[in-house]
Amino acid sequence: MPMFEDQIWRSEERLWLEGPAAYGELLHELCVMVFPAPVGILQGDAIIESLRGVPRWQGVTMTDKLLREPNSDTAMLAYKAEGRRQGSPPYHAYCSSSYVRRGDRWQMTHHQQTPAG
């Protein structure tokens, strides 16, 4: 797996498992996230604010992973996720994310989750 590909998938995993500090590091300032109701569309500070008081995922498994790189500074991910929290049934979703390269780092510009039943 190319180094940039590994870095992007690791960033995606960090956003599932880690808290506001990871989001502050990995999100582009214009990032937009779209989640199932009741959360809906989030952008800017509302993304990080939505994490407060919500338990983080204890684990995530990503399958059917697809990465496309339309140019050297843009990457798009698509995958099926199974998120796990203690005391809750697994959460299944189809996800997509977009990243832009800023120097030697990748930052997320978009993320969408669609429940997978």
PDB file of N, CA and C in Angstrom:
ATOM      1  N   MET A   1       0.857  -1.176   0.000  1.00  0.00           N
ATOM      2  CA  MET A   1       0.000   0.000   0.000  1.00  0.00           C
ATOM      3  C   MET A   1       0.904   1.240   0.000  1.00  0.00           C
ATOM      4  N   PRO A   2       0.704   2.182  -0.922  1.00  0.00           N
ATOM      5  CA  PRO A   2       1.525   3.387  -0.930  1.00  0.00           C
ATOM      6  C   PRO A   2       1.410   4.152   0.388  1.00  0.00           C
ATOM      7  N   MET A   3       2.458   4.863   0.738  1.00  0.00           N
ATOM      8  CA  MET A   3       2.509   5.563   2.019  1.00  0.00           C
ATOM      9  C   MET A   3       1.337   6.527   2.196  1.00  0.00           C
ATOM     10  N   PHE A   4       1.010   7.325   1.150  1.00  0.00           N
ATOM     11  CA  PHE A   4      -0.086   8.281   1.302  1.00  0.00           C
ATOM     12  C   PHE A   4      -1.401   7.560   1.544  1.00  0.00           C
ATOM     13  N   GLU A   5      -1.581   6.394   0.915  1.00  0.00           N
ATOM     14  CA  GLU A   5      -2.809   5.630   1.089  1.00  0.00           C
ATOM     15  C   GLU A   5      -2.934   5.152   2.534  1.00  0.00           C
ATOM     16  N   ASP A   6      -1.863   4.638   3.077  1.00  0.00           N
ATOM     17  CA  ASP A   6      -1.852   4.193   4.471  1.00  0.00           C
ATOM     18  C   ASP A   6      -2.158   5.362   5.401  1.00  0.00           C
ATOM     19  N   GLN A   7      -1.576   6.517   5.128  1.00  0.00           N
ATOM     20  CA  GLN A   7      -1.793   7.702   5.962  1.00  0.00           C
ATOM     21  C   GLN A   7      -3.261   8.128   5.950  1.00  0.00           C
ATOM     22  N   ILE A   8      -3.891   8.116   4.785  1.00  0.00           N
ATOM     23  CA  ILE A   8      -5.294   8.535   4.689  1.00  0.00           C
ATOM     24  C   ILE A   8      -6.214   7.549   5.411  1.00  0.00           C
ATOM     25  N   TRP A   9      -5.997   6.252   5.218  1.00  0.00           N
ATOM     26  CA  TRP A   9      -6.844   5.266   5.905  1.00  0.00           C
ATOM     27  C   TRP A   9      -6.649   5.341   7.415  1.00  0.00           C
ATOM     28  N   ARG A  10      -5.434   5.602   7.869  1.00  0.00           N
ATOM     29  CA  ARG A  10      -5.184   5.755   9.314  1.00  0.00           C
ATOM     30  C   ARG A  10      -5.898   7.000   9.837  1.00  0.00           C
ATOM     31  N   SER A  11      -5.873   8.080   9.055  1.00  0.00           N
ATOM     32  CA  SER A  11      -6.595   9.291   9.462  1.00  0.00           C
ATOM     33  C   SER A  11      -8.090   9.006   9.585  1.00  0.00           C
ATOM     34  N   GLU A  12      -8.631   8.276   8.634  1.00  0.00           N
ATOM     35  CA  GLU A  12     -10.056   7.929   8.659  1.00  0.00           C
ATOM     36  C   GLU A  12     -10.384   7.139   9.933  1.00  0.00           C
ATOM     37  N   GLU A  13      -9.549   6.179  10.258  1.00  0.00           N
ATOM     38  CA  GLU A  13      -9.753   5.388  11.479  1.00  0.00           C
ATOM     39  C   GLU A  13      -9.655   6.264  12.726  1.00  0.00           C
ATOM     40  N   ARG A  14      -8.695   7.170  12.757  1.00  0.00           N
ATOM     41  CA  ARG A  14      -8.548   8.068  13.910  1.00  0.00           C
ATOM     42  C   ARG A  14      -9.817   8.890  14.136  1.00  0.00           C
ATOM     43  N   LEU A  15     -10.452   9.340  13.060  1.00  0.00           N
ATOM     44  CA  LEU A  15     -11.657  10.146  13.206  1.00  0.00           C
ATOM     45  C   LEU A  15     -12.817   9.339  13.780  1.00  0.00           C
ATOM     46  N   TRP A  16     -12.837   8.052  13.573  1.00  0.00           N
ATOM     47  CA  TRP A  16     -13.833   7.195  14.208  1.00  0.00           C
ATOM     48  C   TRP A  16     -13.523   7.003  15.689  1.00  0.00           C
ATOM     49  N   LEU A  17     -12.253   6.807  16.022  1.00  0.00           N
ATOM     50  CA  LEU A  17     -11.889   6.329  17.358  1.00  0.00           C
ATOM     51  C   LEU A  17     -11.430   7.414  18.328  1.00  0.00           C
ATOM     52  N   GLU A  18     -10.901   8.498  17.826  1.00  0.00           N
ATOM     53  CA  GLU A  18     -10.339   9.529  18.704  1.00  0.00           C
ATOM     54  C   GLU A  18     -11.318  10.692  18.850  1.00  0.00           C
ATOM     55  N   GLY A  19     -10.965  11.646  19.681  1.00  0.00           N
ATOM     56  CA  GLY A  19     -11.867  12.746  19.995  1.00  0.00           C
ATOM     57  C   GLY A  19     -11.546  14.047  19.290  1.00  0.00           C
ATOM     58  N   PRO A  20     -11.957  15.162  19.908  1.00  0.00           N
ATOM     59  CA  PRO A  20     -11.835  16.480  19.291  1.00  0.00           C
ATOM     60  C   PRO A  20     -10.421  16.860  18.843  1.00  0.00           C
ATOM     61  N   ALA A  21      -9.403  16.426  19.553  1.00  0.00           N
ATOM     62  CA  ALA A  21      -8.035  16.797  19.153  1.00  0.00           C
ATOM     63  C   ALA A  21      -7.703  16.252  17.764  1.00  0.00           C
ATOM     64  N   ALA A  22      -8.093  15.020  17.492  1.00  0.00           N
ATOM     65  CA  ALA A  22      -7.842  14.434  16.167  1.00  0.00           C
ATOM     66  C   ALA A  22      -8.628  15.185  15.101  1.00  0.00           C
ATOM     67  N   TYR A  23      -9.859  15.547  15.399  1.00  0.00           N
ATOM     68  CA  TYR A  23     -10.656  16.300  14.437  1.00  0.00           C
ATOM     69  C   TYR A  23     -10.022  17.655  14.152  1.00  0.00           C
ATOM     70  N   GLY A  24      -9.535  18.339  15.197  1.00  0.00           N
ATOM     71  CA  GLY A  24      -8.870  19.619  15.009  1.00  0.00           C
ATOM     72  C   GLY A  24      -7.654  19.508  14.108  1.00  0.00           C
ATOM     73  N   GLU A  25      -6.960  18.398  14.202  1.00  0.00           N
ATOM     74  CA  GLU A  25      -5.762  18.165  13.395  1.00  0.00           C
ATOM     75  C   GLU A  25      -6.088  17.746  11.966  1.00  0.00           C
ATOM     76  N   LEU A  26      -7.113  16.921  11.783  1.00  0.00           N
ATOM     77  CA  LEU A  26      -7.335  16.261  10.499  1.00  0.00           C
ATOM     78  C   LEU A  26      -8.402  16.887   9.608  1.00  0.00           C
ATOM     79  N   LEU A  27      -9.214  17.791  10.152  1.00  0.00           N
ATOM     80  CA  LEU A  27     -10.273  18.389   9.333  1.00  0.00           C
ATOM     81  C   LEU A  27      -9.808  19.681   8.685  1.00  0.00           C
ATOM     82  N   HIS A  28     -10.130  19.841   7.429  1.00  0.00           N
ATOM     83  CA  HIS A  28      -9.941  21.098   6.710  1.00  0.00           C
ATOM     84  C   HIS A  28     -10.950  22.099   7.282  1.00  0.00           C
ATOM     85  N   GLU A  29     -10.601  23.380   7.299  1.00  0.00           N
ATOM     86  CA  GLU A  29     -11.507  24.382   7.891  1.00  0.00           C
ATOM     87  C   GLU A  29     -12.842  24.487   7.156  1.00  0.00           C
ATOM     88  N   LEU A  30     -12.939  24.023   5.914  1.00  0.00           N
ATOM     89  CA  LEU A  30     -14.195  24.068   5.167  1.00  0.00           C
ATOM     90  C   LEU A  30     -14.919  22.720   5.126  1.00  0.00           C
ATOM     91  N   CYS A  31     -14.505  21.792   5.973  1.00  0.00           N
ATOM     92  CA  CYS A  31     -15.079  20.444   5.964  1.00  0.00           C
ATOM     93  C   CYS A  31     -16.595  20.469   6.203  1.00  0.00           C
ATOM     94  N   VAL A  32     -17.282  19.591   5.482  1.00  0.00           N
ATOM     95  CA  VAL A  32     -18.721  19.377   5.647  1.00  0.00           C
ATOM     96  C   VAL A  32     -18.920  17.889   5.912  1.00  0.00           C
ATOM     97  N   MET A  33     -19.735  17.575   6.919  1.00  0.00           N
ATOM     98  CA  MET A  33     -20.058  16.183   7.237  1.00  0.00           C
ATOM     99  C   MET A  33     -21.564  16.004   7.194  1.00  0.00           C
ATOM    100  N   VAL A  34     -21.999  14.853   6.659  1.00  0.00           N
ATOM    101  CA  VAL A  34     -23.424  14.570   6.529  1.00  0.00           C
ATOM    102  C   VAL A  34     -23.695  13.223   7.187  1.00  0.00           C
ATOM    103  N   PHE A  35     -24.571  13.256   8.206  1.00  0.00           N
ATOM    104  CA  PHE A  35     -24.908  12.065   8.987  1.00  0.00           C
ATOM    105  C   PHE A  35     -26.408  11.811   8.928  1.00  0.00           C
ATOM    106  N   PRO A  36     -26.824  10.580   9.242  1.00  0.00           N
ATOM    107  CA  PRO A  36     -28.260  10.293   9.321  1.00  0.00           C
ATOM    108  C   PRO A  36     -28.919  11.170  10.396  1.00  0.00           C
ATOM    109  N   ALA A  37     -30.230  11.373  10.274  1.00  0.00           N
ATOM    110  CA  ALA A  37     -31.005  12.097  11.285  1.00  0.00           C
ATOM    111  C   ALA A  37     -30.834  11.402  12.628  1.00  0.00           C
ATOM    112  N   PRO A  38     -30.773  12.105  13.681  1.00  0.00           N
ATOM    113  CA  PRO A  38     -31.114  13.521  13.817  1.00  0.00           C
ATOM    114  C   PRO A  38     -29.923  14.474  13.627  1.00  0.00           C
ATOM    115  N   VAL A  39     -28.724  13.979  13.372  1.00  0.00           N
ATOM    116  CA  VAL A  39     -27.548  14.850  13.300  1.00  0.00           C
ATOM    117  C   VAL A  39     -27.601  15.741  12.061  1.00  0.00           C
ATOM    118  N   GLY A  40     -27.722  15.156  10.872  1.00  0.00           N
ATOM    119  CA  GLY A  40     -27.827  15.942   9.647  1.00  0.00           C
ATOM    120  C   GLY A  40     -26.496  16.500   9.168  1.00  0.00           C
ATOM    121  N   ILE A  41     -26.518  17.724   8.641  1.00  0.00           N
ATOM    122  CA  ILE A  41     -25.349  18.360   8.041  1.00  0.00           C
ATOM    123  C   ILE A  41     -24.614  19.195   9.090  1.00  0.00           C
ATOM    124  N   LEU A  42     -23.303  18.970   9.174  1.00  0.00           N
ATOM    125  CA  LEU A  42     -22.459  19.722  10.105  1.00  0.00           C
ATOM    126  C   LEU A  42     -21.298  20.345   9.340  1.00  0.00           C
ATOM    127  N   GLN A  43     -20.861  21.513   9.813  1.00  0.00           N
ATOM    128  CA  GLN A  43     -19.683  22.144   9.239  1.00  0.00           C
ATOM    129  C   GLN A  43     -18.993  22.975  10.309  1.00  0.00           C
ATOM    130  N   GLY A  44     -17.737  23.289  10.064  1.00  0.00           N
ATOM    131  CA  GLY A  44     -16.980  24.156  10.958  1.00  0.00           C
ATOM    132  C   GLY A  44     -16.949  23.657  12.392  1.00  0.00           C
ATOM    133  N   ASP A  45     -17.078  24.602  13.330  1.00  0.00           N
ATOM    134  CA  ASP A  45     -17.006  24.287  14.760  1.00  0.00           C
ATOM    135  C   ASP A  45     -18.098  23.325  15.207  1.00  0.00           C
ATOM    136  N   ALA A  46     -19.215  23.278  14.490  1.00  0.00           N
ATOM    137  CA  ALA A  46     -20.320  22.387  14.865  1.00  0.00           C
ATOM    138  C   ALA A  46     -19.901  20.919  14.801  1.00  0.00           C
ATOM    139  N   ILE A  47     -18.933  20.596  13.944  1.00  0.00           N
ATOM    140  CA  ILE A  47     -18.469  19.211  13.850  1.00  0.00           C
ATOM    141  C   ILE A  47     -17.820  18.797  15.167  1.00  0.00           C
ATOM    142  N   ILE A  48     -16.869  19.579  15.629  1.00  0.00           N
ATOM    143  CA  ILE A  48     -16.166  19.244  16.869  1.00  0.00           C
ATOM    144  C   ILE A  48     -17.107  19.365  18.060  1.00  0.00           C
ATOM    145  N   GLU A  49     -17.976  20.359  18.066  1.00  0.00           N
ATOM    146  CA  GLU A  49     -18.926  20.533  19.169  1.00  0.00           C
ATOM    147  C   GLU A  49     -19.851  19.317  19.282  1.00  0.00           C
ATOM    148  N   SER A  50     -20.193  18.684  18.153  1.00  0.00           N
ATOM    149  CA  SER A  50     -21.095  17.529  18.174  1.00  0.00           C
ATOM    150  C   SER A  50     -20.477  16.322  18.875  1.00  0.00           C
ATOM    151  N   LEU A  51     -19.158  16.325  19.060  1.00  0.00           N
ATOM    152  CA  LEU A  51     -18.474  15.204  19.709  1.00  0.00           C
ATOM    153  C   LEU A  51     -18.563  15.259  21.229  1.00  0.00           C
ATOM    154  N   ARG A  52     -18.812  16.422  21.762  1.00  0.00           N
ATOM    155  CA  ARG A  52     -18.805  16.597  23.220  1.00  0.00           C
ATOM    156  C   ARG A  52     -19.940  15.804  23.857  1.00  0.00           C
ATOM    157  N   GLY A  53     -19.582  14.983  24.833  1.00  0.00           N
ATOM    158  CA  GLY A  53     -20.565  14.199  25.554  1.00  0.00           C
ATOM    159  C   GLY A  53     -21.031  12.943  24.835  1.00  0.00           C
ATOM    160  N   VAL A  54     -20.489  12.671  23.654  1.00  0.00           N
ATOM    161  CA  VAL A  54     -20.872  11.476  22.903  1.00  0.00           C
ATOM    162  C   VAL A  54     -19.745  10.459  23.026  1.00  0.00           C
ATOM    163  N   PRO A  55     -20.050   9.230  23.443  1.00  0.00           N
ATOM    164  CA  PRO A  55     -18.968   8.240  23.572  1.00  0.00           C
ATOM    165  C   PRO A  55     -18.328   7.944  22.216  1.00  0.00           C
ATOM    166  N   ARG A  56     -17.013   7.824  22.220  1.00  0.00           N
ATOM    167  CA  ARG A  56     -16.291   7.496  20.989  1.00  0.00           C
ATOM    168  C   ARG A  56     -16.501   6.018  20.670  1.00  0.00           C
ATOM    169  N   TRP A  57     -16.249   5.674  19.445  1.00  0.00           N
ATOM    170  CA  TRP A  57     -16.319   4.281  19.029  1.00  0.00           C
ATOM    171  C   TRP A  57     -15.140   3.534  19.640  1.00  0.00           C
ATOM    172  N   GLN A  58     -15.378   2.332  20.096  1.00  0.00           N
ATOM    173  CA  GLN A  58     -14.291   1.515  20.654  1.00  0.00           C
ATOM    174  C   GLN A  58     -13.546   0.769  19.559  1.00  0.00           C
ATOM    175  N   GLY A  59     -14.213   0.562  18.441  1.00  0.00           N
ATOM    176  CA  GLY A  59     -13.589  -0.132  17.324  1.00  0.00           C
ATOM    177  C   GLY A  59     -14.348   0.157  16.049  1.00  0.00           C
ATOM    178  N   VAL A  60     -13.634   0.064  14.944  1.00  0.00           N
ATOM    179  CA  VAL A  60     -14.263   0.210  13.634  1.00  0.00           C
ATOM    180  C   VAL A  60     -13.575  -0.750  12.670  1.00  0.00           C
ATOM    181  N   THR A  61     -14.381  -1.422  11.869  1.00  0.00           N
ATOM    182  CA  THR A  61     -13.861  -2.279  10.813  1.00  0.00           C
ATOM    183  C   THR A  61     -14.332  -1.692   9.487  1.00  0.00           C
ATOM    184  N   MET A  62     -13.386  -1.459   8.600  1.00  0.00           N
ATOM    185  CA  MET A  62     -13.694  -0.907   7.284  1.00  0.00           C
ATOM    186  C   MET A  62     -13.482  -2.002   6.232  1.00  0.00           C
ATOM    187  N   THR A  63     -14.517  -2.263   5.438  1.00  0.00           N
ATOM    188  CA  THR A  63     -14.427  -3.266   4.381  1.00  0.00           C
ATOM    189  C   THR A  63     -14.834  -2.627   3.051  1.00  0.00           C
ATOM    190  N   ASP A  64     -14.669  -3.377   1.967  1.00  0.00           N
ATOM    191  CA  ASP A  64     -15.014  -2.883   0.631  1.00  0.00           C
ATOM    192  C   ASP A  64     -14.350  -1.538   0.364  1.00  0.00           C
ATOM    193  N   LYS A  65     -13.119  -1.389   0.840  1.00  0.00           N
ATOM    194  CA  LYS A  65     -12.403  -0.118   0.765  1.00  0.00           C
ATOM    195  C   LYS A  65     -12.013   0.235  -0.672  1.00  0.00           C
ATOM    196  N   LEU A  66     -12.260   1.495  -1.010  1.00  0.00           N
ATOM    197  CA  LEU A  66     -11.936   2.017  -2.329  1.00  0.00           C
ATOM    198  C   LEU A  66     -11.281   3.380  -2.137  1.00  0.00           C
ATOM    199  N   LEU A  67     -10.174   3.620  -2.821  1.00  0.00           N
ATOM    200  CA  LEU A  67      -9.510   4.912  -2.780  1.00  0.00           C
ATOM    201  C   LEU A  67      -9.254   5.364  -4.209  1.00  0.00           C
ATOM    202  N   ARG A  68      -9.624   6.598  -4.507  1.00  0.00           N
ATOM    203  CA  ARG A  68      -9.368   7.185  -5.814  1.00  0.00           C
ATOM    204  C   ARG A  68      -8.596   8.486  -5.602  1.00  0.00           C
ATOM    205  N   GLU A  69      -7.652   8.730  -6.496  1.00  0.00           N
ATOM    206  CA  GLU A  69      -6.824   9.929  -6.410  1.00  0.00           C
ATOM    207  C   GLU A  69      -6.927  10.672  -7.744  1.00  0.00           C
ATOM    208  N   PRO A  70      -7.910  11.597  -7.867  1.00  0.00           N
ATOM    209  CA  PRO A  70      -8.091  12.295  -9.128  1.00  0.00           C
ATOM    210  C   PRO A  70      -6.878  13.132  -9.537  1.00  0.00           C
ATOM    211  N   ASN A  71      -6.135  13.604  -8.547  1.00  0.00           N
ATOM    212  CA  ASN A  71      -4.865  14.281  -8.807  1.00  0.00           C
ATOM    213  C   ASN A  71      -3.988  14.106  -7.573  1.00  0.00           C
ATOM    214  N   SER A  72      -2.790  14.595  -7.598  1.00  0.00           N
ATOM    215  CA  SER A  72      -1.837  14.322  -6.515  1.00  0.00           C
ATOM    216  C   SER A  72      -2.191  15.007  -5.200  1.00  0.00           C
ATOM    217  N   ASP A  73      -3.151  15.922  -5.210  1.00  0.00           N
ATOM    218  CA  ASP A  73      -3.526  16.637  -3.985  1.00  0.00           C
ATOM    219  C   ASP A  73      -4.943  16.345  -3.519  1.00  0.00           C
ATOM    220  N   THR A  74      -5.613  15.366  -4.138  1.00  0.00           N
ATOM    221  CA  THR A  74      -6.993  15.045  -3.789  1.00  0.00           C
ATOM    222  C   THR A  74      -7.149  13.530  -3.701  1.00  0.00           C
ATOM    223  N   ALA A  75      -7.858  13.076  -2.668  1.00  0.00           N
ATOM    224  CA  ALA A  75      -8.142  11.647  -2.514  1.00  0.00           C
ATOM    225  C   ALA A  75      -9.591  11.476  -2.060  1.00  0.00           C
ATOM    226  N   MET A  76     -10.237  10.431  -2.581  1.00  0.00           N
ATOM    227  CA  MET A  76     -11.609  10.111  -2.208  1.00  0.00           C
ATOM    228  C   MET A  76     -11.655   8.672  -1.716  1.00  0.00           C
ATOM    229  N   LEU A  77     -12.298   8.469  -0.583  1.00  0.00           N
ATOM    230  CA  LEU A  77     -12.456   7.141  -0.003  1.00  0.00           C
ATOM    231  C   LEU A  77     -13.920   6.732  -0.041  1.00  0.00           C
ATOM    232  N   ALA A  78     -14.165   5.440  -0.173  1.00  0.00           N
ATOM    233  CA  ALA A  78     -15.496   4.868   0.007  1.00  0.00           C
ATOM    234  C   ALA A  78     -15.299   3.512   0.677  1.00  0.00           C
ATOM    235  N   TYR A  79     -16.185   3.174   1.603  1.00  0.00           N
ATOM    236  CA  TYR A  79     -16.046   1.913   2.325  1.00  0.00           C
ATOM    237  C   TYR A  79     -17.322   1.616   3.100  1.00  0.00           C
ATOM    238  N   LYS A  80     -17.420   0.387   3.570  1.00  0.00           N
ATOM    239  CA  LYS A  80     -18.484  -0.005   4.487  1.00  0.00           C
ATOM    240  C   LYS A  80     -17.863  -0.091   5.872  1.00  0.00           C
ATOM    241  N   ALA A  81     -18.536   0.506   6.856  1.00  0.00           N
ATOM    242  CA  ALA A  81     -18.002   0.544   8.222  1.00  0.00           C
ATOM    243  C   ALA A  81     -18.904  -0.222   9.169  1.00  0.00           C
ATOM    244  N   GLU A  82     -18.249  -0.847  10.142  1.00  0.00           N
ATOM    245  CA  GLU A  82     -18.954  -1.404  11.296  1.00  0.00           C
ATOM    246  C   GLU A  82     -18.324  -0.767  12.514  1.00  0.00           C
ATOM    247  N   GLY A  83     -19.060   0.137  13.152  1.00  0.00           N
ATOM    248  CA  GLY A  83     -18.590   0.791  14.365  1.00  0.00           C
ATOM    249  C   GLY A  83     -19.141   0.077  15.580  1.00  0.00           C
ATOM    250  N   ARG A  84     -18.305  -0.003  16.629  1.00  0.00           N
ATOM    251  CA  ARG A  84     -18.707  -0.711  17.843  1.00  0.00           C
ATOM    252  C   ARG A  84     -18.498   0.165  19.079  1.00  0.00           C
ATOM    253  N   ARG A  85     -19.550   0.225  19.914  1.00  0.00           N
ATOM    254  CA  ARG A  85     -19.505   0.892  21.218  1.00  0.00           C
ATOM    255  C   ARG A  85     -19.990  -0.101  22.256  1.00  0.00           C
ATOM    256  N   GLN A  86     -19.405  -0.028  23.439  1.00  0.00           N
ATOM    257  CA  GLN A  86     -19.803  -0.947  24.509  1.00  0.00           C
ATOM    258  C   GLN A  86     -21.271  -0.732  24.856  1.00  0.00           C
ATOM    259  N   GLY A  87     -21.993  -1.831  24.958  1.00  0.00           N
ATOM    260  CA  GLY A  87     -23.395  -1.781  25.346  1.00  0.00           C
ATOM    261  C   GLY A  87     -24.354  -1.419  24.231  1.00  0.00           C
ATOM    262  N   SER A  88     -23.868  -1.275  23.004  1.00  0.00           N
ATOM    263  CA  SER A  88     -24.726  -0.925  21.866  1.00  0.00           C
ATOM    264  C   SER A  88     -24.532  -1.937  20.746  1.00  0.00           C
ATOM    265  N   PRO A  89     -25.584  -2.144  19.954  1.00  0.00           N
ATOM    266  CA  PRO A  89     -25.396  -3.035  18.794  1.00  0.00           C
ATOM    267  C   PRO A  89     -24.445  -2.385  17.793  1.00  0.00           C
ATOM    268  N   PRO A  90     -23.789  -3.162  16.952  1.00  0.00           N
ATOM    269  CA  PRO A  90     -22.897  -2.582  15.939  1.00  0.00           C
ATOM    270  C   PRO A  90     -23.659  -1.622  15.016  1.00  0.00           C
ATOM    271  N   TYR A  91     -22.967  -0.587  14.570  1.00  0.00           N
ATOM    272  CA  TYR A  91     -23.506   0.403  13.639  1.00  0.00           C
ATOM    273  C   TYR A  91     -22.894   0.123  12.270  1.00  0.00           C
ATOM    274  N   HIS A  92     -23.732  -0.062  11.262  1.00  0.00           N
ATOM    275  CA  HIS A  92     -23.264  -0.360   9.907  1.00  0.00           C
ATOM    276  C   HIS A  92     -23.622   0.815   8.998  1.00  0.00           C
ATOM    277  N   ALA A  93     -22.630   1.280   8.235  1.00  0.00           N
ATOM    278  CA  ALA A  93     -22.870   2.400   7.324  1.00  0.00           C
ATOM    279  C   ALA A  93     -21.970   2.294   6.104  1.00  0.00           C
ATOM    280  N   TYR A  94     -22.476   2.826   4.997  1.00  0.00           N
ATOM    281  CA  TYR A  94     -21.636   3.070   3.834  1.00  0.00           C
ATOM    282  C   TYR A  94     -21.104   4.490   4.006  1.00  0.00           C
ATOM    283  N   CYS A  95     -19.814   4.677   3.813  1.00  0.00           N
ATOM    284  CA  CYS A  95     -19.186   5.967   4.071  1.00  0.00           C
ATOM    285  C   CYS A  95     -18.381   6.438   2.876  1.00  0.00           C
ATOM    286  N   SER A  96     -18.294   7.741   2.740  1.00  0.00           N
ATOM    287  CA  SER A  96     -17.384   8.327   1.759  1.00  0.00           C
ATOM    288  C   SER A  96     -16.732   9.540   2.400  1.00  0.00           C
ATOM    289  N   SER A  97     -15.482   9.776   2.041  1.00  0.00           N
ATOM    290  CA  SER A  97     -14.725  10.909   2.551  1.00  0.00           C
ATOM    291  C   SER A  97     -13.846  11.448   1.438  1.00  0.00           C
ATOM    292  N   SER A  98     -13.571  12.739   1.499  1.00  0.00           N
ATOM    293  CA  SER A  98     -12.645  13.371   0.565  1.00  0.00           C
ATOM    294  C   SER A  98     -11.578  14.097   1.367  1.00  0.00           C
ATOM    295  N   TYR A  99     -10.369  14.061   0.841  1.00  0.00           N
ATOM    296  CA  TYR A  99      -9.215  14.688   1.488  1.00  0.00           C
ATOM    297  C   TYR A  99      -8.456  15.543   0.485  1.00  0.00           C
ATOM    298  N   VAL A 100      -7.816  16.596   0.990  1.00  0.00           N
ATOM    299  CA  VAL A 100      -6.875  17.379   0.194  1.00  0.00           C
ATOM    300  C   VAL A 100      -5.522  17.349   0.895  1.00  0.00           C
ATOM    301  N   ARG A 101      -4.476  17.408   0.083  1.00  0.00           N
ATOM    302  CA  ARG A 101      -3.121  17.422   0.634  1.00  0.00           C
ATOM    303  C   ARG A 101      -2.729  18.866   0.924  1.00  0.00           C
ATOM    304  N   ARG A 102      -2.188  19.064   2.114  1.00  0.00           N
ATOM    305  CA  ARG A 102      -1.640  20.350   2.529  1.00  0.00           C
ATOM    306  C   ARG A 102      -0.224  20.085   3.002  1.00  0.00           C
ATOM    307  N   GLY A 103       0.734  20.362   2.147  1.00  0.00           N
ATOM    308  CA  GLY A 103       2.118  20.028   2.471  1.00  0.00           C
ATOM    309  C   GLY A 103       2.262  18.521   2.511  1.00  0.00           C
ATOM    310  N   ASP A 104       2.701  17.998   3.649  1.00  0.00           N
ATOM    311  CA  ASP A 104       2.870  16.546   3.783  1.00  0.00           C
ATOM    312  C   ASP A 104       1.711  15.903   4.552  1.00  0.00           C
ATOM    313  N   ARG A 105       0.632  16.662   4.788  1.00  0.00           N
ATOM    314  CA  ARG A 105      -0.517  16.148   5.540  1.00  0.00           C
ATOM    315  C   ARG A 105      -1.763  16.115   4.667  1.00  0.00           C
ATOM    316  N   TRP A 106      -2.662  15.213   5.020  1.00  0.00           N
ATOM    317  CA  TRP A 106      -3.953  15.126   4.358  1.00  0.00           C
ATOM    318  C   TRP A 106      -5.024  15.631   5.320  1.00  0.00           C
ATOM    319  N   GLN A 107      -5.963  16.452   4.828  1.00  0.00           N
ATOM    320  CA  GLN A 107      -7.057  16.953   5.649  1.00  0.00           C
ATOM    321  C   GLN A 107      -8.393  16.621   4.985  1.00  0.00           C
ATOM    322  N   MET A 108      -9.338  16.196   5.804  1.00  0.00           N
ATOM    323  CA  MET A 108     -10.668  15.823   5.315  1.00  0.00           C
ATOM    324  C   MET A 108     -11.462  17.072   4.953  1.00  0.00           C
ATOM    325  N   THR A 109     -12.092  17.047   3.787  1.00  0.00           N
ATOM    326  CA  THR A 109     -12.950  18.138   3.350  1.00  0.00           C
ATOM    327  C   THR A 109     -14.426  17.735   3.337  1.00  0.00           C
ATOM    328  N   HIS A 110     -14.693  16.428   3.369  1.00  0.00           N
ATOM    329  CA  HIS A 110     -16.066  15.942   3.257  1.00  0.00           C
ATOM    330  C   HIS A 110     -16.155  14.539   3.847  1.00  0.00           C
ATOM    331  N   HIS A 111     -17.283  14.266   4.494  1.00  0.00           N
ATOM    332  CA  HIS A 111     -17.562  12.901   4.975  1.00  0.00           C
ATOM    333  C   HIS A 111     -19.069  12.710   4.959  1.00  0.00           C
ATOM    334  N   GLN A 112     -19.517  11.541   4.521  1.00  0.00           N
ATOM    335  CA  GLN A 112     -20.943  11.201   4.502  1.00  0.00           C
ATOM    336  C   GLN A 112     -21.120   9.777   5.000  1.00  0.00           C
ATOM    337  N   GLN A 113     -22.177   9.555   5.787  1.00  0.00           N
ATOM    338  CA  GLN A 113     -22.527   8.207   6.238  1.00  0.00           C
ATOM    339  C   GLN A 113     -23.963   7.908   5.852  1.00  0.00           C
ATOM    340  N   THR A 114     -24.169   6.742   5.272  1.00  0.00           N
ATOM    341  CA  THR A 114     -25.503   6.258   4.925  1.00  0.00           C
ATOM    342  C   THR A 114     -25.704   4.920   5.630  1.00  0.00           C
ATOM    343  N   PRO A 115     -26.716   4.810   6.514  1.00  0.00           N
ATOM    344  CA  PRO A 115     -26.918   3.557   7.221  1.00  0.00           C
ATOM    345  C   PRO A 115     -27.021   2.373   6.263  1.00  0.00           C
ATOM    346  N   ALA A 116     -26.416   1.265   6.689  1.00  0.00           N
ATOM    347  CA  ALA A 116     -26.387   0.060   5.852  1.00  0.00           C
ATOM    348  C   ALA A 116     -27.221  -1.060   6.465  1.00  0.00           C
ATOM    349  N   GLY A 117     -28.224  -0.688   7.209  1.00  0.00           N
ATOM    350  CA  GLY A 117     -29.155  -1.678   7.736  1.00  0.00           C
ATOM    351  C   GLY A 117     -28.750  -2.384   8.920  1.00  0.00           C
TER     352      GLY A 117
END
